Every structure is written in C-alpha cells, then in structure tokens.
C-alpha atoms as a PDB file:
ATOM      1  CA  UNK A   1      94.018  25.383  55.628  1.00  0.00           C
ATOM      2  CA  UNK A   2      91.030  24.991  57.917  1.00  0.00           C
ATOM      3  CA  UNK A   3      87.810  26.502  56.575  1.00  0.00           C
ATOM      4  CA  UNK A   4      84.182  26.948  57.532  1.00  0.00           C
ATOM      5  CA  UNK A   5      83.418  23.657  55.766  1.00  0.00           C
ATOM      6  CA  UNK A   6      85.459  21.760  58.359  1.00  0.00           C
ATOM      7  CA  UNK A   7      82.951  22.666  61.095  1.00  0.00           C
ATOM      8  CA  UNK A   8      79.296  21.831  61.663  1.00  0.00           C
ATOM      9  CA  UNK A   9      76.936  24.818  61.471  1.00  0.00           C
ATOM     10  CA  UNK A  10      76.619  24.886  65.260  1.00  0.00           C
ATOM     11  CA  UNK A  11      80.382  24.713  65.747  1.00  0.00           C
ATOM     12  CA  UNK A  12      80.969  27.458  63.196  1.00  0.00           C
ATOM     13  CA  UNK A  13      78.471  29.786  64.884  1.00  0.00           C
ATOM     14  CA  UNK A  14      80.376  29.371  68.154  1.00  0.00           C
ATOM     15  CA  UNK A  15      83.756  29.873  66.469  1.00  0.00           C
ATOM     16  CA  UNK A  16      82.547  32.911  64.526  1.00  0.00           C
ATOM     17  CA  UNK A  17      81.145  34.685  67.567  1.00  0.00           C
ATOM     18  CA  UNK A  18      84.150  33.873  69.795  1.00  0.00           C
ATOM     19  CA  UNK A  19      86.011  37.197  69.339  1.00  0.00           C
ATOM     20  CA  UNK A  20      82.828  39.089  70.209  1.00  0.00           C
ATOM     21  CA  UNK A  21      82.308  36.825  73.239  1.00  0.00           C
ATOM     22  CA  UNK A  22      85.880  37.578  74.359  1.00  0.00           C
ATOM     23  CA  UNK A  23      85.118  41.306  74.136  1.00  0.00           C
ATOM     24  CA  UNK A  24      81.815  40.781  75.948  1.00  0.00           C
ATOM     25  CA  UNK A  25      83.700  39.117  78.786  1.00  0.00           C
ATOM     26  CA  UNK A  26      85.696  42.298  79.346  1.00  0.00           C
ATOM     27  CA  UNK A  27      82.561  44.444  79.264  1.00  0.00           C
ATOM     28  CA  UNK A  28      80.884  42.252  81.886  1.00  0.00           C
ATOM     29  CA  UNK A  29      84.023  42.065  84.041  1.00  0.00           C
ATOM     30  CA  UNK A  30      83.837  45.780  84.794  1.00  0.00           C
ATOM     31  CA  UNK A  31      80.584  47.220  83.457  1.00  0.00           C
ATOM     32  CA  UNK A  32      80.689  50.860  82.500  1.00  0.00           C
ATOM     33  CA  UNK A  33      78.219  52.990  80.665  1.00  0.00           C
ATOM     34  CA  UNK A  34      77.043  52.756  77.075  1.00  0.00           C
ATOM     35  CA  UNK A  35      80.049  54.711  75.796  1.00  0.00           C
ATOM     36  CA  UNK A  36      82.458  52.178  77.297  1.00  0.00           C
ATOM     37  CA  UNK A  37      80.460  49.294  75.797  1.00  0.00           C
ATOM     38  CA  UNK A  38      80.582  50.962  72.379  1.00  0.00           C
ATOM     39  CA  UNK A  39      84.336  51.566  72.639  1.00  0.00           C
ATOM     40  CA  UNK A  40      85.033  47.987  73.699  1.00  0.00           C
ATOM     41  CA  UNK A  41      82.848  46.496  70.964  1.00  0.00           C
ATOM     42  CA  UNK A  42      84.369  48.817  68.358  1.00  0.00           C
ATOM     43  CA  UNK A  43      87.871  47.767  69.401  1.00  0.00           C
ATOM     44  CA  UNK A  44      87.019  44.118  68.741  1.00  0.00           C
ATOM     45  CA  UNK A  45      85.471  44.962  65.360  1.00  0.00           C
ATOM     46  CA  UNK A  46      88.589  46.951  64.376  1.00  0.00           C
ATOM     47  CA  UNK A  47      90.709  43.885  65.168  1.00  0.00           C
ATOM     48  CA  UNK A  48      88.420  41.715  63.067  1.00  0.00           C
ATOM     49  CA  UNK A  49      88.584  44.146  60.139  1.00  0.00           C
ATOM     50  CA  UNK A  50      92.412  44.143  60.319  1.00  0.00           C
ATOM     51  CA  UNK A  51      92.419  40.388  59.747  1.00  0.00           C
ATOM     52  CA  UNK A  52      90.044  40.185  56.770  1.00  0.00           C
ATOM     53  CA  UNK A  53      92.925  39.415  54.405  1.00  0.00           C
ATOM     54  CA  UNK A  54      94.409  36.629  56.521  1.00  0.00           C
ATOM     55  CA  UNK A  55      94.331  33.376  54.546  1.00  0.00           C
ATOM     56  CA  UNK A  56      94.078  31.069  57.572  1.00  0.00           C
ATOM     57  CA  UNK A  57      91.301  30.228  59.979  1.00  0.00           C
ATOM     58  CA  UNK A  58      91.468  33.666  61.613  1.00  0.00           C
ATOM     59  CA  UNK A  59      90.855  35.314  58.234  1.00  0.00           C
ATOM     60  CA  UNK A  60      87.991  32.957  57.446  1.00  0.00           C
ATOM     61  CA  UNK A  61      86.327  33.757  60.769  1.00  0.00           C
ATOM     62  CA  UNK A  62      87.024  37.497  60.413  1.00  0.00           C
ATOM     63  CA  UNK A  63      85.468  37.643  56.931  1.00  0.00           C
ATOM     64  CA  UNK A  64      82.390  35.678  57.995  1.00  0.00           C
ATOM     65  CA  UNK A  65      81.941  37.797  61.134  1.00  0.00           C
ATOM     66  CA  UNK A  66      82.359  41.037  59.172  1.00  0.00           C
ATOM     67  CA  UNK A  67      79.800  39.831  56.614  1.00  0.00           C
ATOM     68  CA  UNK A  68      77.287  39.020  59.366  1.00  0.00           C
ATOM     69  CA  UNK A  69      77.730  42.470  60.893  1.00  0.00           C
ATOM     70  CA  UNK A  70      77.472  44.149  57.478  1.00  0.00           C
ATOM     71  CA  UNK A  71      74.183  42.330  56.908  1.00  0.00           C
ATOM     72  CA  UNK A  72      73.056  43.626  60.310  1.00  0.00           C
ATOM     73  CA  UNK A  73      72.922  40.157  61.832  1.00  0.00           C
ATOM     74  CA  UNK A  74      73.942  40.111  65.477  1.00  0.00           C
ATOM     75  CA  UNK A  75      76.743  37.515  65.717  1.00  0.00           C
ATOM     76  CA  UNK A  76      76.069  36.904  69.401  1.00  0.00           C
ATOM     77  CA  UNK A  77      72.260  36.921  69.244  1.00  0.00           C
ATOM     78  CA  UNK A  78      71.983  33.248  70.256  1.00  0.00           C
ATOM     79  CA  UNK A  79      74.469  33.556  73.117  1.00  0.00           C
ATOM     80  CA  UNK A  80      72.954  34.974  76.288  1.00  0.00           C
ATOM     81  CA  UNK A  81      75.193  34.217  79.262  1.00  0.00           C
ATOM     82  CA  UNK A  82      73.905  34.790  82.764  1.00  0.00           C
ATOM     83  CA  UNK A  83      77.341  34.825  84.402  1.00  0.00           C
ATOM     84  CA  UNK A  84      80.960  35.445  83.473  1.00  0.00           C
ATOM     85  CA  UNK A  85      81.702  31.761  84.053  1.00  0.00           C
ATOM     86  CA  UNK A  86      79.452  30.869  81.107  1.00  0.00           C
ATOM     87  CA  UNK A  87      81.554  33.130  78.905  1.00  0.00           C
ATOM     88  CA  UNK A  88      84.856  31.504  79.845  1.00  0.00           C
ATOM     89  CA  UNK A  89      83.243  28.064  79.480  1.00  0.00           C
ATOM     90  CA  UNK A  90      82.080  29.041  75.977  1.00  0.00           C
ATOM     91  CA  UNK A  91      85.574  30.220  75.031  1.00  0.00           C
ATOM     92  CA  UNK A  92      87.072  26.985  76.406  1.00  0.00           C
ATOM     93  CA  UNK A  93      84.526  24.987  74.375  1.00  0.00           C
ATOM     94  CA  UNK A  94      85.398  26.925  71.209  1.00  0.00           C
ATOM     95  CA  UNK A  95      89.088  26.354  71.903  1.00  0.00           C
ATOM     96  CA  UNK A  96      88.388  22.621  72.083  1.00  0.00           C
ATOM     97  CA  UNK A  97      86.537  22.691  68.766  1.00  0.00           C
ATOM     98  CA  UNK A  98      89.293  24.662  67.028  1.00  0.00           C
ATOM     99  CA  UNK A  99      92.044  22.495  68.550  1.00  0.00           C
ATOM    100  CA  UNK A 100      90.289  19.389  67.244  1.00  0.00           C
ATOM    101  CA  UNK A 101      89.525  20.665  63.738  1.00  0.00           C
ATOM    102  CA  UNK A 102      92.309  23.107  62.835  1.00  0.00           C
ATOM    103  CA  UNK A 103      96.019  22.623  62.339  1.00  0.00           C
ATOM    104  CA  UNK A 104      98.088  23.191  65.485  1.00  0.00           C
ATOM    105  CA  UNK A 105      99.442  26.434  63.995  1.00  0.00           C
ATOM    106  CA  UNK A 106      95.981  27.756  63.144  1.00  0.00           C
ATOM    107  CA  UNK A 107      94.636  26.766  66.565  1.00  0.00           C
ATOM    108  CA  UNK A 108      97.490  28.624  68.301  1.00  0.00           C
ATOM    109  CA  UNK A 109      96.919  31.671  66.092  1.00  0.00           C
ATOM    110  CA  UNK A 110      93.185  31.572  66.847  1.00  0.00           C
ATOM    111  CA  UNK A 111      93.815  31.371  70.617  1.00  0.00           C
ATOM    112  CA  UNK A 112      96.115  34.382  70.406  1.00  0.00           C
ATOM    113  CA  UNK A 113      93.532  36.239  68.328  1.00  0.00           C
ATOM    114  CA  UNK A 114      90.819  35.681  70.933  1.00  0.00           C
ATOM    115  CA  UNK A 115      93.096  36.912  73.697  1.00  0.00           C
ATOM    116  CA  UNK A 116      94.041  39.916  71.542  1.00  0.00           C
ATOM    117  CA  UNK A 117      90.335  40.702  71.059  1.00  0.00           C
ATOM    118  CA  UNK A 118      89.861  40.696  74.830  1.00  0.00           C
ATOM    119  CA  UNK A 119      92.980  42.828  75.377  1.00  0.00           C
ATOM    120  CA  UNK A 120      91.847  45.379  72.826  1.00  0.00           C
ATOM    121  CA  UNK A 121      88.452  45.587  74.483  1.00  0.00           C
ATOM    122  CA  UNK A 122      90.131  46.093  77.868  1.00  0.00           C
ATOM    123  CA  UNK A 123      92.387  48.834  76.463  1.00  0.00           C
ATOM    124  CA  UNK A 124      89.559  50.616  74.643  1.00  0.00           C
ATOM    125  CA  UNK A 125      88.108  52.631  77.518  1.00  0.00           C
ATOM    126  CA  UNK A 126      89.466  53.931  80.782  1.00  0.00           C
ATOM    127  CA  UNK A 127      87.811  52.602  83.898  1.00  0.00           C
ATOM    128  CA  UNK A 128      87.099  54.186  87.264  1.00  0.00           C
ATOM    129  CA  UNK A 129      88.096  57.620  88.430  1.00  0.00           C
ATOM    130  CA  UNK A 130      86.013  60.737  88.148  1.00  0.00           C
ATOM    131  CA  UNK A 131      85.565  62.385  84.751  1.00  0.00           C
ATOM    132  CA  UNK A 132      88.743  60.695  83.564  1.00  0.00           C
ATOM    133  CA  UNK A 133      90.902  61.682  86.541  1.00  0.00           C
ATOM    134  CA  UNK A 134      92.633  58.768  88.238  1.00  0.00           C
ATOM    135  CA  UNK A 135      91.079  56.358  85.732  1.00  0.00           C
ATOM    136  CA  UNK A 136      93.020  53.269  84.676  1.00  0.00           C
ATOM    137  CA  UNK A 137      93.332  51.722  81.229  1.00  0.00           C
ATOM    138  CA  UNK A 138      92.685  48.168  82.471  1.00  0.00           C
ATOM    139  CA  UNK A 139      90.803  47.684  85.733  1.00  0.00           C
ATOM    140  CA  UNK A 140      91.485  44.889  88.209  1.00  0.00           C
ATOM    141  CA  UNK A 141      88.266  43.152  87.136  1.00  0.00           C
ATOM    142  CA  UNK A 142      89.255  43.339  83.479  1.00  0.00           C
ATOM    143  CA  UNK A 143      92.736  41.988  84.235  1.00  0.00           C
ATOM    144  CA  UNK A 144      91.227  39.075  86.159  1.00  0.00           C
ATOM    145  CA  UNK A 145      88.987  38.348  83.174  1.00  0.00           C
ATOM    146  CA  UNK A 146      91.937  38.550  80.765  1.00  0.00           C
ATOM    147  CA  UNK A 147      93.716  35.977  82.927  1.00  0.00           C
ATOM    148  CA  UNK A 148      90.604  33.756  82.981  1.00  0.00           C
ATOM    149  CA  UNK A 149      90.246  33.990  79.197  1.00  0.00           C
ATOM    150  CA  UNK A 150      93.923  33.095  78.732  1.00  0.00           C
ATOM    151  CA  UNK A 151      93.445  30.097  80.994  1.00  0.00           C
ATOM    152  CA  UNK A 152      90.219  29.043  79.228  1.00  0.00           C
ATOM    153  CA  UNK A 153      91.806  29.070  75.777  1.00  0.00           C
ATOM    154  CA  UNK A 154      95.258  27.923  76.821  1.00  0.00           C
ATOM    155  CA  UNK A 155      97.050  31.086  75.681  1.00  0.00           C
ATOM    156  CA  UNK A 156      99.719  33.216  77.336  1.00  0.00           C
ATOM    157  CA  UNK A 157      98.226  36.217  79.183  1.00  0.00           C
END
C-alpha cells in the first residue's frame, strides 16, 4: 500500500490538495455566487469524508485532508492559480507523481477519485436560468472542464 511516507513533503501537499483543486476547477469553469461555491466545495468534502475508511492511497489522502480541514488549515492555501490551465496542469502533475509512486491499481483509483470529486462539484449546484427556472445541473463550461480534467489525469470522463 502506498502511504504518505512514499512522497516528499512537497509531493504530498500537491496530492493531498488534488481533490479540492479538482472541485476548484469546476467552480472557476462557470463561476456562480457564494452559495454555489459553498455547495461545490461541500460536495467535494462529503466525498472525502466518505472515503476516510479506505485503506489505500485514497483513504490516506482523505484522512490527511480531513485532518487539515478539521485543524482549520486551508489545504489549497499555497495554490493560487491565475487561469484554468494552471489547474489542469497541476492535476496532470499530481497524476504523474501518483503514477510514479503508487501501485497501478491505487493510481487508477486515485484518478477516478479526482474525476469523481470534480463531477460531484459540478452536480452540486444548478447553473444558469433565472431563480432556478431553466437552470441546468452541469453547464457547458463545467462539462468542458470535466473533460479537461479527465484528459489531464488520464481517466474516463
């Protein structure tokens, strides 16, 4: 099993924040108001909390991320992208780190987990419309970002 000890501190920080970065990508793909941001972030945190008992790499990352949040440490404080491209590049970089250090099974599970985090963020709040009328669950911008994330991490969209 791949653990935190298999990564450098810098690598682990990037791996640990990756699910939050995936959610952030969705938020930036189709910015809404503060309520949408809260819903999208909460959706990612719910996913993380579901995987706290996982005994693989995903569980290790989920537990460490949950601990950071519980201690009121912002897991993405050091990551300040200026464009969406920086986010997909970061996710591709993390995928490379995990592919190199984890077992093939754990790396595939991690890739799927990141894509699931992005999907949950996209599904968390309706976009567009007026006061909820004619709103869509996943906007065109969010779908494009989901496709870009899948491509960046080498997962099926």
